[in-house]
Amino acid sequence: MWYTYVLKSLKDKNLYVGFSKDLRVRIKEHKTGKVPATKSRLPLESVYYEACLDEKKAVKREKYFKSGFGRKFLKARI
């Protein structure tokens, strides 16, 4: 399984969207400051994720969440 996930910065309230094969490990890396893209936005909260059957679908979902329609979808869900 692959996962598309959304983290929320408790510092600036912005969302970060990513994908990973190992969701638990990746979120732990984010929360401990090991990911440069989110290091300055700590602390982070995991607010949403979806499981996908393959990497292509997870990447496609990540791109959707980063689009205007995807951001609207996430706002309605979170």
PDB file of N, CA and C in Angstrom:
ATOM      1  N   MET A   1       0.833  -1.186   0.000  1.00  0.00           N
ATOM      2  CA  MET A   1       0.000   0.000   0.000  1.00  0.00           C
ATOM      3  C   MET A   1       0.879   1.251   0.000  1.00  0.00           C
ATOM      4  N   TRP A   2       0.366   2.290  -0.615  1.00  0.00           N
ATOM      5  CA  TRP A   2       0.968   3.612  -0.606  1.00  0.00           C
ATOM      6  C   TRP A   2      -0.032   4.564   0.031  1.00  0.00           C
ATOM      7  N   TYR A   3       0.457   5.623   0.612  1.00  0.00           N
ATOM      8  CA  TYR A   3      -0.406   6.552   1.330  1.00  0.00           C
ATOM      9  C   TYR A   3      -0.180   7.985   0.867  1.00  0.00           C
ATOM     10  N   THR A   4      -1.267   8.720   0.749  1.00  0.00           N
ATOM     11  CA  THR A   4      -1.222  10.156   0.544  1.00  0.00           C
ATOM     12  C   THR A   4      -1.667  10.757   1.869  1.00  0.00           C
ATOM     13  N   TYR A   5      -0.907  11.714   2.388  1.00  0.00           N
ATOM     14  CA  TYR A   5      -1.205  12.234   3.717  1.00  0.00           C
ATOM     15  C   TYR A   5      -1.190  13.755   3.730  1.00  0.00           C
ATOM     16  N   VAL A   6      -1.841  14.299   4.750  1.00  0.00           N
ATOM     17  CA  VAL A   6      -1.900  15.749   4.924  1.00  0.00           C
ATOM     18  C   VAL A   6      -1.518  16.062   6.368  1.00  0.00           C
ATOM     19  N   LEU A   7      -0.570  16.968   6.507  1.00  0.00           N
ATOM     20  CA  LEU A   7      -0.155  17.447   7.818  1.00  0.00           C
ATOM     21  C   LEU A   7      -0.535  18.913   7.944  1.00  0.00           C
ATOM     22  N   LYS A   8      -0.856  19.328   9.148  1.00  0.00           N
ATOM     23  CA  LYS A   8      -1.180  20.732   9.392  1.00  0.00           C
ATOM     24  C   LYS A   8      -0.148  21.300  10.360  1.00  0.00           C
ATOM     25  N   SER A   9       0.402  22.445   9.994  1.00  0.00           N
ATOM     26  CA  SER A   9       1.354  23.125  10.868  1.00  0.00           C
ATOM     27  C   SER A   9       0.572  23.845  11.952  1.00  0.00           C
ATOM     28  N   LEU A  10       0.897  23.572  13.192  1.00  0.00           N
ATOM     29  CA  LEU A  10       0.239  24.262  14.300  1.00  0.00           C
ATOM     30  C   LEU A  10       0.821  25.663  14.477  1.00  0.00           C
ATOM     31  N   LYS A  11       1.941  25.903  13.821  1.00  0.00           N
ATOM     32  CA  LYS A  11       2.607  27.203  13.882  1.00  0.00           C
ATOM     33  C   LYS A  11       1.935  28.215  12.953  1.00  0.00           C
ATOM     34  N   ASP A  12       1.778  27.844  11.669  1.00  0.00           N
ATOM     35  CA  ASP A  12       1.206  28.796  10.704  1.00  0.00           C
ATOM     36  C   ASP A  12      -0.129  28.344  10.102  1.00  0.00           C
ATOM     37  N   LYS A  13      -0.641  27.190  10.569  1.00  0.00           N
ATOM     38  CA  LYS A  13      -1.947  26.649  10.141  1.00  0.00           C
ATOM     39  C   LYS A  13      -1.992  26.208   8.677  1.00  0.00           C
ATOM     40  N   ASN A  14      -0.863  26.184   7.972  1.00  0.00           N
ATOM     41  CA  ASN A  14      -0.823  25.736   6.578  1.00  0.00           C
ATOM     42  C   ASN A  14      -0.792  24.219   6.502  1.00  0.00           C
ATOM     43  N   LEU A  15      -1.222  23.688   5.355  1.00  0.00           N
ATOM     44  CA  LEU A  15      -1.234  22.255   5.134  1.00  0.00           C
ATOM     45  C   LEU A  15      -0.032  21.834   4.300  1.00  0.00           C
ATOM     46  N   TYR A  16       0.450  20.638   4.558  1.00  0.00           N
ATOM     47  CA  TYR A  16       1.513  20.025   3.772  1.00  0.00           C
ATOM     48  C   TYR A  16       0.969  18.691   3.268  1.00  0.00           C
ATOM     49  N   VAL A  17       1.119  18.415   1.988  1.00  0.00           N
ATOM     50  CA  VAL A  17       0.627  17.179   1.384  1.00  0.00           C
ATOM     51  C   VAL A  17       1.809  16.371   0.861  1.00  0.00           C
ATOM     52  N   GLY A  18       1.800  15.085   1.125  1.00  0.00           N
ATOM     53  CA  GLY A  18       2.861  14.217   0.641  1.00  0.00           C
ATOM     54  C   GLY A  18       2.359  12.800   0.429  1.00  0.00           C
ATOM     55  N   PHE A  19       3.252  11.920   0.000  1.00  0.00           N
ATOM     56  CA  PHE A  19       2.905  10.506  -0.151  1.00  0.00           C
ATOM     57  C   PHE A  19       4.083   9.658   0.292  1.00  0.00           C
ATOM     58  N   SER A  20       3.785   8.428   0.710  1.00  0.00           N
ATOM     59  CA  SER A  20       4.834   7.554   1.218  1.00  0.00           C
ATOM     60  C   SER A  20       4.368   6.104   1.209  1.00  0.00           C
ATOM     61  N   LYS A  21       5.312   5.207   1.169  1.00  0.00           N
ATOM     62  CA  LYS A  21       5.015   3.779   1.284  1.00  0.00           C
ATOM     63  C   LYS A  21       4.836   3.393   2.750  1.00  0.00           C
ATOM     64  N   ASP A  22       5.605   4.023   3.626  1.00  0.00           N
ATOM     65  CA  ASP A  22       5.521   3.735   5.068  1.00  0.00           C
ATOM     66  C   ASP A  22       5.047   4.993   5.796  1.00  0.00           C
ATOM     67  N   LEU A  23       3.765   5.090   6.004  1.00  0.00           N
ATOM     68  CA  LEU A  23       3.148   6.295   6.560  1.00  0.00           C
ATOM     69  C   LEU A  23       3.674   6.626   7.960  1.00  0.00           C
ATOM     70  N   ARG A  24       3.755   5.640   8.827  1.00  0.00           N
ATOM     71  CA  ARG A  24       4.187   5.898  10.215  1.00  0.00           C
ATOM     72  C   ARG A  24       5.605   6.472  10.263  1.00  0.00           C
ATOM     73  N   VAL A  25       6.498   5.880   9.514  1.00  0.00           N
ATOM     74  CA  VAL A  25       7.886   6.341   9.505  1.00  0.00           C
ATOM     75  C   VAL A  25       7.966   7.756   8.933  1.00  0.00           C
ATOM     76  N   ARG A  26       7.261   8.007   7.836  1.00  0.00           N
ATOM     77  CA  ARG A  26       7.328   9.317   7.186  1.00  0.00           C
ATOM     78  C   ARG A  26       6.771  10.421   8.080  1.00  0.00           C
ATOM     79  N   ILE A  27       5.669  10.168   8.747  1.00  0.00           N
ATOM     80  CA  ILE A  27       5.098  11.184   9.643  1.00  0.00           C
ATOM     81  C   ILE A  27       6.039  11.429  10.823  1.00  0.00           C
ATOM     82  N   LYS A  28       6.657  10.368  11.325  1.00  0.00           N
ATOM     83  CA  LYS A  28       7.630  10.525  12.417  1.00  0.00           C
ATOM     84  C   LYS A  28       8.807  11.401  11.958  1.00  0.00           C
ATOM     85  N   GLU A  29       9.270  11.192  10.710  1.00  0.00           N
ATOM     86  CA  GLU A  29      10.362  12.018  10.168  1.00  0.00           C
ATOM     87  C   GLU A  29       9.945  13.488  10.116  1.00  0.00           C
ATOM     88  N   HIS A  30       8.721  13.743   9.685  1.00  0.00           N
ATOM     89  CA  HIS A  30       8.226  15.120   9.645  1.00  0.00           C
ATOM     90  C   HIS A  30       8.193  15.726  11.047  1.00  0.00           C
ATOM     91  N   LYS A  31       7.603  15.001  11.980  1.00  0.00           N
ATOM     92  CA  LYS A  31       7.402  15.536  13.332  1.00  0.00           C
ATOM     93  C   LYS A  31       8.699  15.739  14.109  1.00  0.00           C
ATOM     94  N   THR A  32       9.758  15.040  13.719  1.00  0.00           N
ATOM     95  CA  THR A  32      11.047  15.191  14.410  1.00  0.00           C
ATOM     96  C   THR A  32      11.992  16.140  13.678  1.00  0.00           C
ATOM     97  N   GLY A  33      11.504  16.813  12.638  1.00  0.00           N
ATOM     98  CA  GLY A  33      12.299  17.818  11.954  1.00  0.00           C
ATOM     99  C   GLY A  33      13.304  17.277  10.950  1.00  0.00           C
ATOM    100  N   LYS A  34      13.158  16.042  10.514  1.00  0.00           N
ATOM    101  CA  LYS A  34      14.103  15.441   9.572  1.00  0.00           C
ATOM    102  C   LYS A  34      13.770  15.715   8.110  1.00  0.00           C
ATOM    103  N   VAL A  35      12.631  16.373   7.855  1.00  0.00           N
ATOM    104  CA  VAL A  35      12.213  16.692   6.489  1.00  0.00           C
ATOM    105  C   VAL A  35      12.369  18.202   6.287  1.00  0.00           C
ATOM    106  N   PRO A  36      13.278  18.618   5.407  1.00  0.00           N
ATOM    107  CA  PRO A  36      13.539  20.047   5.213  1.00  0.00           C
ATOM    108  C   PRO A  36      12.297  20.877   4.866  1.00  0.00           C
ATOM    109  N   ALA A  37      11.374  20.314   4.112  1.00  0.00           N
ATOM    110  CA  ALA A  37      10.180  21.065   3.686  1.00  0.00           C
ATOM    111  C   ALA A  37       9.273  21.453   4.845  1.00  0.00           C
ATOM    112  N   THR A  38       9.314  20.710   5.930  1.00  0.00           N
ATOM    113  CA  THR A  38       8.418  21.007   7.058  1.00  0.00           C
ATOM    114  C   THR A  38       9.158  21.353   8.352  1.00  0.00           C
ATOM    115  N   LYS A  39      10.456  21.318   8.319  1.00  0.00           N
ATOM    116  CA  LYS A  39      11.252  21.547   9.531  1.00  0.00           C
ATOM    117  C   LYS A  39      10.934  22.888  10.196  1.00  0.00           C
ATOM    118  N   SER A  40      10.746  23.937   9.392  1.00  0.00           N
ATOM    119  CA  SER A  40      10.489  25.268   9.957  1.00  0.00           C
ATOM    120  C   SER A  40       9.025  25.473  10.350  1.00  0.00           C
ATOM    121  N   ARG A  41       8.176  24.479  10.087  1.00  0.00           N
ATOM    122  CA  ARG A  41       6.745  24.613  10.377  1.00  0.00           C
ATOM    123  C   ARG A  41       6.309  23.824  11.600  1.00  0.00           C
ATOM    124  N   LEU A  42       7.245  23.282  12.341  1.00  0.00           N
ATOM    125  CA  LEU A  42       6.928  22.476  13.517  1.00  0.00           C
ATOM    126  C   LEU A  42       6.237  23.313  14.585  1.00  0.00           C
ATOM    127  N   PRO A  43       5.365  22.734  15.376  1.00  0.00           N
ATOM    128  CA  PRO A  43       4.913  21.344  15.395  1.00  0.00           C
ATOM    129  C   PRO A  43       3.872  21.066  14.317  1.00  0.00           C
ATOM    130  N   LEU A  44       3.767  19.775  13.963  1.00  0.00           N
ATOM    131  CA  LEU A  44       2.841  19.335  12.925  1.00  0.00           C
ATOM    132  C   LEU A  44       1.824  18.350  13.501  1.00  0.00           C
ATOM    133  N   GLU A  45       0.662  18.353  12.890  1.00  0.00           N
ATOM    134  CA  GLU A  45      -0.399  17.437  13.285  1.00  0.00           C
ATOM    135  C   GLU A  45      -0.860  16.678  12.038  1.00  0.00           C
ATOM    136  N   SER A  46      -0.984  15.382  12.146  1.00  0.00           N
ATOM    137  CA  SER A  46      -1.505  14.576  11.042  1.00  0.00           C
ATOM    138  C   SER A  46      -3.025  14.741  11.027  1.00  0.00           C
ATOM    139  N   VAL A  47      -3.568  15.226   9.888  1.00  0.00           N
ATOM    140  CA  VAL A  47      -5.003  15.517   9.852  1.00  0.00           C
ATOM    141  C   VAL A  47      -5.789  14.663   8.862  1.00  0.00           C
ATOM    142  N   TYR A  48      -5.116  14.002   7.913  1.00  0.00           N
ATOM    143  CA  TYR A  48      -5.848  13.226   6.915  1.00  0.00           C
ATOM    144  C   TYR A  48      -4.883  12.312   6.175  1.00  0.00           C
ATOM    145  N   TYR A  49      -5.361  11.133   5.803  1.00  0.00           N
ATOM    146  CA  TYR A  49      -4.581  10.267   4.911  1.00  0.00           C
ATOM    147  C   TYR A  49      -5.520   9.351   4.142  1.00  0.00           C
ATOM    148  N   GLU A  50      -5.025   8.870   3.023  1.00  0.00           N
ATOM    149  CA  GLU A  50      -5.741   7.904   2.201  1.00  0.00           C
ATOM    150  C   GLU A  50      -4.781   6.803   1.788  1.00  0.00           C
ATOM    151  N   ALA A  51      -5.278   5.583   1.762  1.00  0.00           N
ATOM    152  CA  ALA A  51      -4.487   4.450   1.285  1.00  0.00           C
ATOM    153  C   ALA A  51      -4.746   4.248  -0.203  1.00  0.00           C
ATOM    154  N   CYS A  52      -3.686   3.986  -0.949  1.00  0.00           N
ATOM    155  CA  CYS A  52      -3.781   3.739  -2.388  1.00  0.00           C
ATOM    156  C   CYS A  52      -3.125   2.396  -2.699  1.00  0.00           C
ATOM    157  N   LEU A  53      -3.595   1.752  -3.750  1.00  0.00           N
ATOM    158  CA  LEU A  53      -3.068   0.430  -4.092  1.00  0.00           C
ATOM    159  C   LEU A  53      -1.679   0.474  -4.721  1.00  0.00           C
ATOM    160  N   ASP A  54      -1.334   1.583  -5.370  1.00  0.00           N
ATOM    161  CA  ASP A  54      -0.006   1.674  -5.971  1.00  0.00           C
ATOM    162  C   ASP A  54       0.518   3.106  -5.925  1.00  0.00           C
ATOM    163  N   GLU A  55       1.797   3.235  -6.223  1.00  0.00           N
ATOM    164  CA  GLU A  55       2.464   4.528  -6.130  1.00  0.00           C
ATOM    165  C   GLU A  55       1.864   5.560  -7.079  1.00  0.00           C
ATOM    166  N   LYS A  56       1.521   5.154  -8.299  1.00  0.00           N
ATOM    167  CA  LYS A  56       0.954   6.087  -9.278  1.00  0.00           C
ATOM    168  C   LYS A  56      -0.319   6.746  -8.760  1.00  0.00           C
ATOM    169  N   LYS A  57      -1.171   5.958  -8.127  1.00  0.00           N
ATOM    170  CA  LYS A  57      -2.423   6.503  -7.594  1.00  0.00           C
ATOM    171  C   LYS A  57      -2.156   7.457  -6.435  1.00  0.00           C
ATOM    172  N   ALA A  58      -1.173   7.146  -5.606  1.00  0.00           N
ATOM    173  CA  ALA A  58      -0.830   8.017  -4.483  1.00  0.00           C
ATOM    174  C   ALA A  58      -0.294   9.358  -4.984  1.00  0.00           C
ATOM    175  N   VAL A  59       0.554   9.325  -6.012  1.00  0.00           N
ATOM    176  CA  VAL A  59       1.102  10.554  -6.592  1.00  0.00           C
ATOM    177  C   VAL A  59      -0.012  11.383  -7.234  1.00  0.00           C
ATOM    178  N   LYS A  60      -0.909  10.715  -7.935  1.00  0.00           N
ATOM    179  CA  LYS A  60      -2.034  11.405  -8.573  1.00  0.00           C
ATOM    180  C   LYS A  60      -2.915  12.089  -7.528  1.00  0.00           C
ATOM    181  N   ARG A  61      -3.141  11.400  -6.416  1.00  0.00           N
ATOM    182  CA  ARG A  61      -3.956  11.973  -5.333  1.00  0.00           C
ATOM    183  C   ARG A  61      -3.238  13.162  -4.693  1.00  0.00           C
ATOM    184  N   GLU A  62      -1.928  13.044  -4.510  1.00  0.00           N
ATOM    185  CA  GLU A  62      -1.141  14.152  -3.949  1.00  0.00           C
ATOM    186  C   GLU A  62      -1.266  15.382  -4.843  1.00  0.00           C
ATOM    187  N   LYS A  63      -1.135  15.213  -6.140  1.00  0.00           N
ATOM    188  CA  LYS A  63      -1.258  16.334  -7.075  1.00  0.00           C
ATOM    189  C   LYS A  63      -2.647  16.951  -7.006  1.00  0.00           C
ATOM    190  N   TYR A  64      -3.661  16.111  -6.878  1.00  0.00           N
ATOM    191  CA  TYR A  64      -5.031  16.620  -6.751  1.00  0.00           C
ATOM    192  C   TYR A  64      -5.170  17.481  -5.500  1.00  0.00           C
ATOM    193  N   PHE A  65      -4.659  16.996  -4.368  1.00  0.00           N
ATOM    194  CA  PHE A  65      -4.773  17.745  -3.119  1.00  0.00           C
ATOM    195  C   PHE A  65      -4.042  19.087  -3.177  1.00  0.00           C
ATOM    196  N   LYS A  66      -3.049  19.192  -4.024  1.00  0.00           N
ATOM    197  CA  LYS A  66      -2.305  20.440  -4.168  1.00  0.00           C
ATOM    198  C   LYS A  66      -2.969  21.405  -5.146  1.00  0.00           C
ATOM    199  N   SER A  67      -4.019  20.937  -5.828  1.00  0.00           N
ATOM    200  CA  SER A  67      -4.749  21.806  -6.762  1.00  0.00           C
ATOM    201  C   SER A  67      -5.822  22.597  -6.009  1.00  0.00           C
ATOM    202  N   GLY A  68      -6.426  23.550  -6.692  1.00  0.00           N
ATOM    203  CA  GLY A  68      -7.489  24.349  -6.083  1.00  0.00           C
ATOM    204  C   GLY A  68      -8.669  23.504  -5.645  1.00  0.00           C
ATOM    205  N   PHE A  69      -9.093  22.577  -6.494  1.00  0.00           N
ATOM    206  CA  PHE A  69     -10.214  21.697  -6.145  1.00  0.00           C
ATOM    207  C   PHE A  69      -9.841  20.784  -4.979  1.00  0.00           C
ATOM    208  N   GLY A  70      -8.615  20.307  -4.973  1.00  0.00           N
ATOM    209  CA  GLY A  70      -8.151  19.447  -3.892  1.00  0.00           C
ATOM    210  C   GLY A  70      -8.096  20.175  -2.564  1.00  0.00           C
ATOM    211  N   ARG A  71      -7.655  21.427  -2.589  1.00  0.00           N
ATOM    212  CA  ARG A  71      -7.619  22.229  -1.356  1.00  0.00           C
ATOM    213  C   ARG A  71      -9.039  22.443  -0.823  1.00  0.00           C
ATOM    214  N   LYS A  72      -9.992  22.676  -1.718  1.00  0.00           N
ATOM    215  CA  LYS A  72     -11.396  22.826  -1.301  1.00  0.00           C
ATOM    216  C   LYS A  72     -11.906  21.530  -0.676  1.00  0.00           C
ATOM    217  N   PHE A  73     -11.576  20.396  -1.292  1.00  0.00           N
ATOM    218  CA  PHE A  73     -11.965  19.094  -0.764  1.00  0.00           C
ATOM    219  C   PHE A  73     -11.423  18.916   0.652  1.00  0.00           C
ATOM    220  N   LEU A  74     -10.134  19.233   0.835  1.00  0.00           N
ATOM    221  CA  LEU A  74      -9.518  19.064   2.148  1.00  0.00           C
ATOM    222  C   LEU A  74     -10.128  19.998   3.185  1.00  0.00           C
ATOM    223  N   LYS A  75     -10.415  21.230   2.799  1.00  0.00           N
ATOM    224  CA  LYS A  75     -11.038  22.171   3.744  1.00  0.00           C
ATOM    225  C   LYS A  75     -12.382  21.642   4.227  1.00  0.00           C
ATOM    226  N   ALA A  76     -13.141  21.027   3.328  1.00  0.00           N
ATOM    227  CA  ALA A  76     -14.446  20.481   3.693  1.00  0.00           C
ATOM    228  C   ALA A  76     -14.306  19.250   4.595  1.00  0.00           C
ATOM    229  N   ARG A  77     -13.222  18.488   4.420  1.00  0.00           N
ATOM    230  CA  ARG A  77     -13.013  17.262   5.191  1.00  0.00           C
ATOM    231  C   ARG A  77     -12.368  17.492   6.554  1.00  0.00           C
ATOM    232  N   ILE A  78     -11.545  18.518   6.646  1.00  0.00           N
ATOM    233  CA  ILE A  78     -10.740  18.699   7.867  1.00  0.00           C
ATOM    234  C   ILE A  78     -11.400  19.631   8.834  1.00  0.00           C
TER     235      ILE A  78
END
